[in-house]
């Protein structure tokens, strides 16, 4: 039996609540691989950069969803009461 078949078989035995947890975990794993792979070679050089990098890594590990550039602009506009394109 292949990995996919084994996973599907075990998936079907889970309660709906546990299936949701599995989906959330898979999304987290996918998100972590998308956000950490390109930056794995990054090495902060200044003390401030090191501290900020550690904070960022803890946030990612805890499951916090980081914003992309567009989302940051939207949030800033909303906080400042400004206009933003939808």
PDB file of N, CA and C in Angstrom:
ATOM      1  N   UNK A   1       0.850  -1.178   0.000  1.00  0.00           N
ATOM      2  CA  UNK A   1       0.000   0.000   0.000  1.00  0.00           C
ATOM      3  C   UNK A   1       0.895   1.242   0.000  1.00  0.00           C
ATOM      4  N   UNK A   2       0.600   2.172  -0.906  1.00  0.00           N
ATOM      5  CA  UNK A   2       1.377   3.398  -0.999  1.00  0.00           C
ATOM      6  C   UNK A   2       1.034   4.387   0.106  1.00  0.00           C
ATOM      7  N   UNK A   3       1.834   5.408   0.208  1.00  0.00           N
ATOM      8  CA  UNK A   3       1.624   6.414   1.247  1.00  0.00           C
ATOM      9  C   UNK A   3       0.270   7.105   1.107  1.00  0.00           C
ATOM     10  N   UNK A   4      -0.120   7.411  -0.124  1.00  0.00           N
ATOM     11  CA  UNK A   4      -1.399   8.093  -0.332  1.00  0.00           C
ATOM     12  C   UNK A   4      -2.568   7.228   0.107  1.00  0.00           C
ATOM     13  N   UNK A   5      -2.529   5.961  -0.255  1.00  0.00           N
ATOM     14  CA  UNK A   5      -3.607   5.056   0.125  1.00  0.00           C
ATOM     15  C   UNK A   5      -3.671   4.895   1.644  1.00  0.00           C
ATOM     16  N   UNK A   6      -2.494   4.769   2.256  1.00  0.00           N
ATOM     17  CA  UNK A   6      -2.439   4.617   3.710  1.00  0.00           C
ATOM     18  C   UNK A   6      -2.991   5.866   4.394  1.00  0.00           C
ATOM     19  N   UNK A   7      -2.603   7.035   3.902  1.00  0.00           N
ATOM     20  CA  UNK A   7      -3.089   8.286   4.468  1.00  0.00           C
ATOM     21  C   UNK A   7      -4.606   8.398   4.323  1.00  0.00           C
ATOM     22  N   UNK A   8      -5.119   8.072   3.158  1.00  0.00           N
ATOM     23  CA  UNK A   8      -6.558   8.147   2.911  1.00  0.00           C
ATOM     24  C   UNK A   8      -7.317   7.177   3.810  1.00  0.00           C
ATOM     25  N   UNK A   9      -6.782   5.986   3.970  1.00  0.00           N
ATOM     26  CA  UNK A   9      -7.427   4.987   4.828  1.00  0.00           C
ATOM     27  C   UNK A   9      -7.500   5.487   6.267  1.00  0.00           C
ATOM     28  N   UNK A  10      -6.414   6.047   6.762  1.00  0.00           N
ATOM     29  CA  UNK A  10      -6.401   6.554   8.133  1.00  0.00           C
ATOM     30  C   UNK A  10      -7.263   7.812   8.262  1.00  0.00           C
ATOM     31  N   UNK A  11      -7.292   8.629   7.217  1.00  0.00           N
ATOM     32  CA  UNK A  11      -8.115   9.845   7.200  1.00  0.00           C
ATOM     33  C   UNK A  11      -9.588   9.491   7.415  1.00  0.00           C
ATOM     34  N   UNK A  12     -10.046   8.456   6.732  1.00  0.00           N
ATOM     35  CA  UNK A  12     -11.454   8.061   6.805  1.00  0.00           C
ATOM     36  C   UNK A  12     -11.863   7.583   8.196  1.00  0.00           C
ATOM     37  N   UNK A  13     -10.894   7.167   9.000  1.00  0.00           N
ATOM     38  CA  UNK A  13     -11.185   6.690  10.351  1.00  0.00           C
ATOM     39  C   UNK A  13     -11.269   7.831  11.362  1.00  0.00           C
ATOM     40  N   UNK A  14     -10.880   9.029  10.977  1.00  0.00           N
ATOM     41  CA  UNK A  14     -10.883  10.164  11.898  1.00  0.00           C
ATOM     42  C   UNK A  14     -12.257  10.811  11.991  1.00  0.00           C
ATOM     43  N   UNK A  15     -12.489  11.460  13.135  1.00  0.00           N
ATOM     44  CA  UNK A  15     -13.711  12.249  13.296  1.00  0.00           C
ATOM     45  C   UNK A  15     -13.581  13.511  12.450  1.00  0.00           C
ATOM     46  N   UNK A  16     -14.679  14.167  12.130  1.00  0.00           N
ATOM     47  CA  UNK A  16     -14.593  15.416  11.361  1.00  0.00           C
ATOM     48  C   UNK A  16     -13.703  16.474  12.028  1.00  0.00           C
ATOM     49  N   UNK A  17     -13.738  16.524  13.351  1.00  0.00           N
ATOM     50  CA  UNK A  17     -12.903  17.496  14.072  1.00  0.00           C
ATOM     51  C   UNK A  17     -11.412  17.198  13.861  1.00  0.00           C
ATOM     52  N   UNK A  18     -11.057  15.934  13.925  1.00  0.00           N
ATOM     53  CA  UNK A  18      -9.651  15.564  13.733  1.00  0.00           C
ATOM     54  C   UNK A  18      -9.237  15.728  12.273  1.00  0.00           C
ATOM     55  N   UNK A  19     -10.157  15.485  11.354  1.00  0.00           N
ATOM     56  CA  UNK A  19      -9.845  15.733   9.947  1.00  0.00           C
ATOM     57  C   UNK A  19      -9.529  17.210   9.734  1.00  0.00           C
ATOM     58  N   UNK A  20     -10.280  18.100  10.406  1.00  0.00           N
ATOM     59  CA  UNK A  20     -10.013  19.532  10.301  1.00  0.00           C
ATOM     60  C   UNK A  20      -8.634  19.867  10.852  1.00  0.00           C
ATOM     61  N   UNK A  21      -8.261  19.240  11.962  1.00  0.00           N
ATOM     62  CA  UNK A  21      -6.930  19.467  12.536  1.00  0.00           C
ATOM     63  C   UNK A  21      -5.830  19.025  11.562  1.00  0.00           C
ATOM     64  N   UNK A  22      -6.064  17.907  10.905  1.00  0.00           N
ATOM     65  CA  UNK A  22      -5.089  17.416   9.924  1.00  0.00           C
ATOM     66  C   UNK A  22      -4.951  18.421   8.787  1.00  0.00           C
ATOM     67  N   UNK A  23      -6.066  18.930   8.290  1.00  0.00           N
ATOM     68  CA  UNK A  23      -6.028  19.925   7.216  1.00  0.00           C
ATOM     69  C   UNK A  23      -5.257  21.168   7.646  1.00  0.00           C
ATOM     70  N   UNK A  24      -5.517  21.632   8.856  1.00  0.00           N
ATOM     71  CA  UNK A  24      -4.811  22.813   9.365  1.00  0.00           C
ATOM     72  C   UNK A  24      -3.311  22.544   9.483  1.00  0.00           C
ATOM     73  N   UNK A  25      -2.961  21.347   9.946  1.00  0.00           N
ATOM     74  CA  UNK A  25      -1.554  20.993  10.076  1.00  0.00           C
ATOM     75  C   UNK A  25      -0.863  20.938   8.720  1.00  0.00           C
ATOM     76  N   UNK A  26      -1.541  20.363   7.734  1.00  0.00           N
ATOM     77  CA  UNK A  26      -0.976  20.279   6.384  1.00  0.00           C
ATOM     78  C   UNK A  26      -0.782  21.686   5.812  1.00  0.00           C
ATOM     79  N   UNK A  27      -1.753  22.564   6.028  1.00  0.00           N
ATOM     80  CA  UNK A  27      -1.623  23.949   5.565  1.00  0.00           C
ATOM     81  C   UNK A  27      -0.427  24.626   6.233  1.00  0.00           C
ATOM     82  N   UNK A  28      -0.240  24.371   7.530  1.00  0.00           N
ATOM     83  CA  UNK A  28       0.898  24.943   8.245  1.00  0.00           C
ATOM     84  C   UNK A  28       2.213  24.430   7.663  1.00  0.00           C
ATOM     85  N   UNK A  29       2.296  23.141   7.413  1.00  0.00           N
ATOM     86  CA  UNK A  29       3.511  22.573   6.829  1.00  0.00           C
ATOM     87  C   UNK A  29       3.782  23.171   5.448  1.00  0.00           C
ATOM     88  N   UNK A  30       2.741  23.290   4.668  1.00  0.00           N
ATOM     89  CA  UNK A  30       2.884  23.870   3.330  1.00  0.00           C
ATOM     90  C   UNK A  30       3.343  25.319   3.431  1.00  0.00           C
ATOM     91  N   UNK A  31       2.728  26.072   4.329  1.00  0.00           N
ATOM     92  CA  UNK A  31       3.078  27.476   4.503  1.00  0.00           C
ATOM     93  C   UNK A  31       4.523  27.625   4.982  1.00  0.00           C
ATOM     94  N   UNK A  32       4.920  26.783   5.935  1.00  0.00           N
ATOM     95  CA  UNK A  32       6.301  26.849   6.438  1.00  0.00           C
ATOM     96  C   UNK A  32       7.299  26.586   5.327  1.00  0.00           C
ATOM     97  N   UNK A  33       7.030  25.613   4.487  1.00  0.00           N
ATOM     98  CA  UNK A  33       7.974  25.304   3.417  1.00  0.00           C
ATOM     99  C   UNK A  33       8.033  26.432   2.394  1.00  0.00           C
ATOM    100  N   UNK A  34       6.905  27.119   2.189  1.00  0.00           N
ATOM    101  CA  UNK A  34       6.880  28.232   1.240  1.00  0.00           C
ATOM    102  C   UNK A  34       7.606  29.453   1.786  1.00  0.00           C
ATOM    103  N   UNK A  35       7.554  29.663   3.092  1.00  0.00           N
ATOM    104  CA  UNK A  35       8.133  30.872   3.669  1.00  0.00           C
ATOM    105  C   UNK A  35       9.559  30.701   4.156  1.00  0.00           C
ATOM    106  N   UNK A  36       9.972  29.492   4.481  1.00  0.00           N
ATOM    107  CA  UNK A  36      11.302  29.339   5.053  1.00  0.00           C
ATOM    108  C   UNK A  36      12.356  28.886   4.050  1.00  0.00           C
ATOM    109  N   UNK A  37      11.976  28.241   2.979  1.00  0.00           N
ATOM    110  CA  UNK A  37      12.962  27.723   2.041  1.00  0.00           C
ATOM    111  C   UNK A  37      13.824  28.803   1.397  1.00  0.00           C
ATOM    112  N   UNK A  38      13.252  29.849   0.799  1.00  0.00           N
ATOM    113  CA  UNK A  38      14.097  30.833   0.143  1.00  0.00           C
ATOM    114  C   UNK A  38      15.000  31.597   1.107  1.00  0.00           C
ATOM    115  N   UNK A  39      14.577  31.729   2.362  1.00  0.00           N
ATOM    116  CA  UNK A  39      15.331  32.523   3.313  1.00  0.00           C
ATOM    117  C   UNK A  39      16.259  31.689   4.187  1.00  0.00           C
ATOM    118  N   UNK A  40      16.343  30.397   3.951  1.00  0.00           N
ATOM    119  CA  UNK A  40      17.150  29.552   4.816  1.00  0.00           C
ATOM    120  C   UNK A  40      18.622  29.940   4.778  1.00  0.00           C
ATOM    121  N   UNK A  41      19.067  30.605   3.711  1.00  0.00           N
ATOM    122  CA  UNK A  41      20.452  31.037   3.621  1.00  0.00           C
ATOM    123  C   UNK A  41      20.671  32.401   4.256  1.00  0.00           C
ATOM    124  N   UNK A  42      19.583  33.058   4.657  1.00  0.00           N
ATOM    125  CA  UNK A  42      19.696  34.386   5.235  1.00  0.00           C
ATOM    126  C   UNK A  42      20.369  34.307   6.593  1.00  0.00           C
ATOM    127  N   UNK A  43      21.332  35.190   6.832  1.00  0.00           N
ATOM    128  CA  UNK A  43      22.002  35.259   8.122  1.00  0.00           C
ATOM    129  C   UNK A  43      22.054  36.720   8.555  1.00  0.00           C
ATOM    130  N   UNK A  44      21.249  37.095   9.566  1.00  0.00           N
ATOM    131  CA  UNK A  44      21.277  38.483  10.026  1.00  0.00           C
ATOM    132  C   UNK A  44      22.646  38.828  10.593  1.00  0.00           C
ATOM    133  N   UNK A  45      23.069  40.060  10.355  1.00  0.00           N
ATOM    134  CA  UNK A  45      24.419  40.456  10.762  1.00  0.00           C
ATOM    135  C   UNK A  45      24.439  41.385  11.969  1.00  0.00           C
ATOM    136  N   UNK A  46      23.469  42.267  12.092  1.00  0.00           N
ATOM    137  CA  UNK A  46      23.457  43.203  13.213  1.00  0.00           C
ATOM    138  C   UNK A  46      22.669  42.618  14.378  1.00  0.00           C
ATOM    139  N   UNK A  47      22.908  43.108  15.589  1.00  0.00           N
ATOM    140  CA  UNK A  47      22.137  42.610  16.738  1.00  0.00           C
ATOM    141  C   UNK A  47      20.626  42.817  16.569  1.00  0.00           C
ATOM    142  N   UNK A  48      20.225  43.972  16.016  1.00  0.00           N
ATOM    143  CA  UNK A  48      18.805  44.222  15.802  1.00  0.00           C
ATOM    144  C   UNK A  48      18.229  43.238  14.789  1.00  0.00           C
ATOM    145  N   UNK A  49      18.941  43.015  13.699  1.00  0.00           N
ATOM    146  CA  UNK A  49      18.473  42.075  12.679  1.00  0.00           C
ATOM    147  C   UNK A  49      18.343  40.674  13.267  1.00  0.00           C
ATOM    148  N   UNK A  50      19.290  40.272  14.108  1.00  0.00           N
ATOM    149  CA  UNK A  50      19.222  38.948  14.736  1.00  0.00           C
ATOM    150  C   UNK A  50      17.999  38.833  15.632  1.00  0.00           C
ATOM    151  N   UNK A  51      17.733  39.896  16.411  1.00  0.00           N
ATOM    152  CA  UNK A  51      16.583  39.870  17.302  1.00  0.00           C
ATOM    153  C   UNK A  51      15.278  39.809  16.496  1.00  0.00           C
ATOM    154  N   UNK A  52      15.172  40.623  15.450  1.00  0.00           N
ATOM    155  CA  UNK A  52      13.968  40.622  14.620  1.00  0.00           C
ATOM    156  C   UNK A  52      13.777  39.288  13.913  1.00  0.00           C
ATOM    157  N   UNK A  53      14.880  38.694  13.460  1.00  0.00           N
ATOM    158  CA  UNK A  53      14.801  37.387  12.787  1.00  0.00           C
ATOM    159  C   UNK A  53      14.305  36.314  13.752  1.00  0.00           C
ATOM    160  N   UNK A  54      14.786  36.342  14.994  1.00  0.00           N
ATOM    161  CA  UNK A  54      14.331  35.367  15.989  1.00  0.00           C
ATOM    162  C   UNK A  54      12.846  35.535  16.276  1.00  0.00           C
ATOM    163  N   UNK A  55      12.388  36.784  16.370  1.00  0.00           N
ATOM    164  CA  UNK A  55      10.968  37.042  16.590  1.00  0.00           C
ATOM    165  C   UNK A  55      10.149  36.500  15.425  1.00  0.00           C
ATOM    166  N   UNK A  56      10.628  36.751  14.210  1.00  0.00           N
ATOM    167  CA  UNK A  56       9.926  36.278  13.015  1.00  0.00           C
ATOM    168  C   UNK A  56       9.838  34.752  12.996  1.00  0.00           C
ATOM    169  N   UNK A  57      10.948  34.093  13.307  1.00  0.00           N
ATOM    170  CA  UNK A  57      10.969  32.627  13.295  1.00  0.00           C
ATOM    171  C   UNK A  57      10.030  32.058  14.353  1.00  0.00           C
ATOM    172  N   UNK A  58       9.981  32.678  15.542  1.00  0.00           N
ATOM    173  CA  UNK A  58       9.056  32.214  16.582  1.00  0.00           C
ATOM    174  C   UNK A  58       7.611  32.381  16.128  1.00  0.00           C
ATOM    175  N   UNK A  59       7.323  33.491  15.458  1.00  0.00           N
ATOM    176  CA  UNK A  59       5.964  33.737  14.959  1.00  0.00           C
ATOM    177  C   UNK A  59       5.565  32.675  13.941  1.00  0.00           C
ATOM    178  N   UNK A  60       6.463  32.359  13.031  1.00  0.00           N
ATOM    179  CA  UNK A  60       6.180  31.340  12.012  1.00  0.00           C
ATOM    180  C   UNK A  60       5.967  29.979  12.670  1.00  0.00           C
ATOM    181  N   UNK A  61       6.837  29.642  13.617  1.00  0.00           N
ATOM    182  CA  UNK A  61       6.736  28.352  14.302  1.00  0.00           C
ATOM    183  C   UNK A  61       5.425  28.219  15.061  1.00  0.00           C
ATOM    184  N   UNK A  62       4.947  29.327  15.630  1.00  0.00           N
ATOM    185  CA  UNK A  62       3.700  29.286  16.391  1.00  0.00           C
ATOM    186  C   UNK A  62       2.470  29.206  15.500  1.00  0.00           C
ATOM    187  N   UNK A  63       2.661  29.339  14.180  1.00  0.00           N
ATOM    188  CA  UNK A  63       1.539  29.237  13.264  1.00  0.00           C
ATOM    189  C   UNK A  63       0.981  30.571  12.810  1.00  0.00           C
ATOM    190  N   UNK A  64       1.595  31.654  13.215  1.00  0.00           N
ATOM    191  CA  UNK A  64       1.135  32.975  12.798  1.00  0.00           C
ATOM    192  C   UNK A  64       1.293  33.125  11.289  1.00  0.00           C
ATOM    193  N   UNK A  65       0.260  33.594  10.630  1.00  0.00           N
ATOM    194  CA  UNK A  65       0.306  33.805   9.189  1.00  0.00           C
ATOM    195  C   UNK A  65       0.905  35.178   8.912  1.00  0.00           C
ATOM    196  N   UNK A  66       2.040  35.220   8.267  1.00  0.00           N
ATOM    197  CA  UNK A  66       2.674  36.482   7.925  1.00  0.00           C
ATOM    198  C   UNK A  66       1.963  37.113   6.732  1.00  0.00           C
ATOM    199  N   UNK A  67       1.980  38.441   6.681  1.00  0.00           N
ATOM    200  CA  UNK A  67       1.334  39.155   5.591  1.00  0.00           C
ATOM    201  C   UNK A  67       2.294  39.333   4.426  1.00  0.00           C
ATOM    202  N   UNK A  68       1.748  39.314   3.209  1.00  0.00           N
ATOM    203  CA  UNK A  68       2.575  39.644   2.053  1.00  0.00           C
ATOM    204  C   UNK A  68       2.519  41.164   1.847  1.00  0.00           C
ATOM    205  N   UNK A  69       3.228  41.678   0.859  1.00  0.00           N
ATOM    206  CA  UNK A  69       3.306  43.125   0.664  1.00  0.00           C
ATOM    207  C   UNK A  69       1.937  43.757   0.443  1.00  0.00           C
ATOM    208  N   UNK A  70       1.100  43.126  -0.368  1.00  0.00           N
ATOM    209  CA  UNK A  70      -0.238  43.670  -0.632  1.00  0.00           C
ATOM    210  C   UNK A  70      -1.078  43.709   0.639  1.00  0.00           C
ATOM    211  N   UNK A  71      -1.003  42.641   1.422  1.00  0.00           N
ATOM    212  CA  UNK A  71      -1.774  42.590   2.668  1.00  0.00           C
ATOM    213  C   UNK A  71      -1.297  43.639   3.664  1.00  0.00           C
ATOM    214  N   UNK A  72      -0.006  43.908   3.682  1.00  0.00           N
ATOM    215  CA  UNK A  72       0.536  44.947   4.564  1.00  0.00           C
ATOM    216  C   UNK A  72      -0.014  46.308   4.164  1.00  0.00           C
ATOM    217  N   UNK A  73      -0.018  46.598   2.865  1.00  0.00           N
ATOM    218  CA  UNK A  73      -0.551  47.874   2.386  1.00  0.00           C
ATOM    219  C   UNK A  73      -2.014  48.041   2.759  1.00  0.00           C
ATOM    220  N   UNK A  74      -2.801  46.982   2.610  1.00  0.00           N
ATOM    221  CA  UNK A  74      -4.223  47.036   2.955  1.00  0.00           C
ATOM    222  C   UNK A  74      -4.399  47.290   4.445  1.00  0.00           C
ATOM    223  N   UNK A  75      -3.620  46.589   5.266  1.00  0.00           N
ATOM    224  CA  UNK A  75      -3.725  46.772   6.711  1.00  0.00           C
ATOM    225  C   UNK A  75      -3.320  48.182   7.122  1.00  0.00           C
ATOM    226  N   UNK A  76      -2.248  48.682   6.549  1.00  0.00           N
ATOM    227  CA  UNK A  76      -1.822  50.048   6.869  1.00  0.00           C
ATOM    228  C   UNK A  76      -2.893  51.062   6.481  1.00  0.00           C
ATOM    229  N   UNK A  77      -3.466  50.895   5.306  1.00  0.00           N
ATOM    230  CA  UNK A  77      -4.515  51.807   4.863  1.00  0.00           C
ATOM    231  C   UNK A  77      -5.712  51.745   5.814  1.00  0.00           C
ATOM    232  N   UNK A  78      -6.081  50.553   6.232  1.00  0.00           N
ATOM    233  CA  UNK A  78      -7.219  50.398   7.138  1.00  0.00           C
ATOM    234  C   UNK A  78      -6.929  51.039   8.492  1.00  0.00           C
ATOM    235  N   UNK A  79      -5.723  50.858   8.997  1.00  0.00           N
ATOM    236  CA  UNK A  79      -5.366  51.428  10.298  1.00  0.00           C
ATOM    237  C   UNK A  79      -5.303  52.946  10.263  1.00  0.00           C
ATOM    238  N   UNK A  80      -4.883  53.463   9.114  1.00  0.00           N
ATOM    239  CA  UNK A  80      -4.736  54.914   8.980  1.00  0.00           C
ATOM    240  C   UNK A  80      -6.007  55.565   8.465  1.00  0.00           C
ATOM    241  N   UNK A  81      -7.017  54.774   8.161  1.00  0.00           N
ATOM    242  CA  UNK A  81      -8.266  55.314   7.677  1.00  0.00           C
ATOM    243  C   UNK A  81      -8.177  55.797   6.243  1.00  0.00           C
ATOM    244  N   UNK A  82      -7.198  55.305   5.517  1.00  0.00           N
ATOM    245  CA  UNK A  82      -6.974  55.758   4.163  1.00  0.00           C
ATOM    246  C   UNK A  82      -7.674  54.924   3.117  1.00  0.00           C
ATOM    247  N   UNK A  83      -7.491  55.316   1.898  1.00  0.00           N
ATOM    248  CA  UNK A  83      -8.066  54.622   0.749  1.00  0.00           C
ATOM    249  C   UNK A  83      -7.205  53.448   0.356  1.00  0.00           C
ATOM    250  N   UNK A  84      -7.835  52.381  -0.048  1.00  0.00           N
ATOM    251  CA  UNK A  84      -7.103  51.252  -0.652  1.00  0.00           C
ATOM    252  C   UNK A  84      -7.952  50.623  -1.721  1.00  0.00           C
ATOM    253  N   UNK A  85      -7.304  50.091  -2.740  1.00  0.00           N
ATOM    254  CA  UNK A  85      -8.016  49.434  -3.836  1.00  0.00           C
ATOM    255  C   UNK A  85      -8.469  48.060  -3.385  1.00  0.00           C
ATOM    256  N   UNK A  86      -9.643  47.655  -3.837  1.00  0.00           N
ATOM    257  CA  UNK A  86     -10.146  46.330  -3.435  1.00  0.00           C
ATOM    258  C   UNK A  86     -10.092  45.362  -4.578  1.00  0.00           C
TER     259      UNK A  86
END
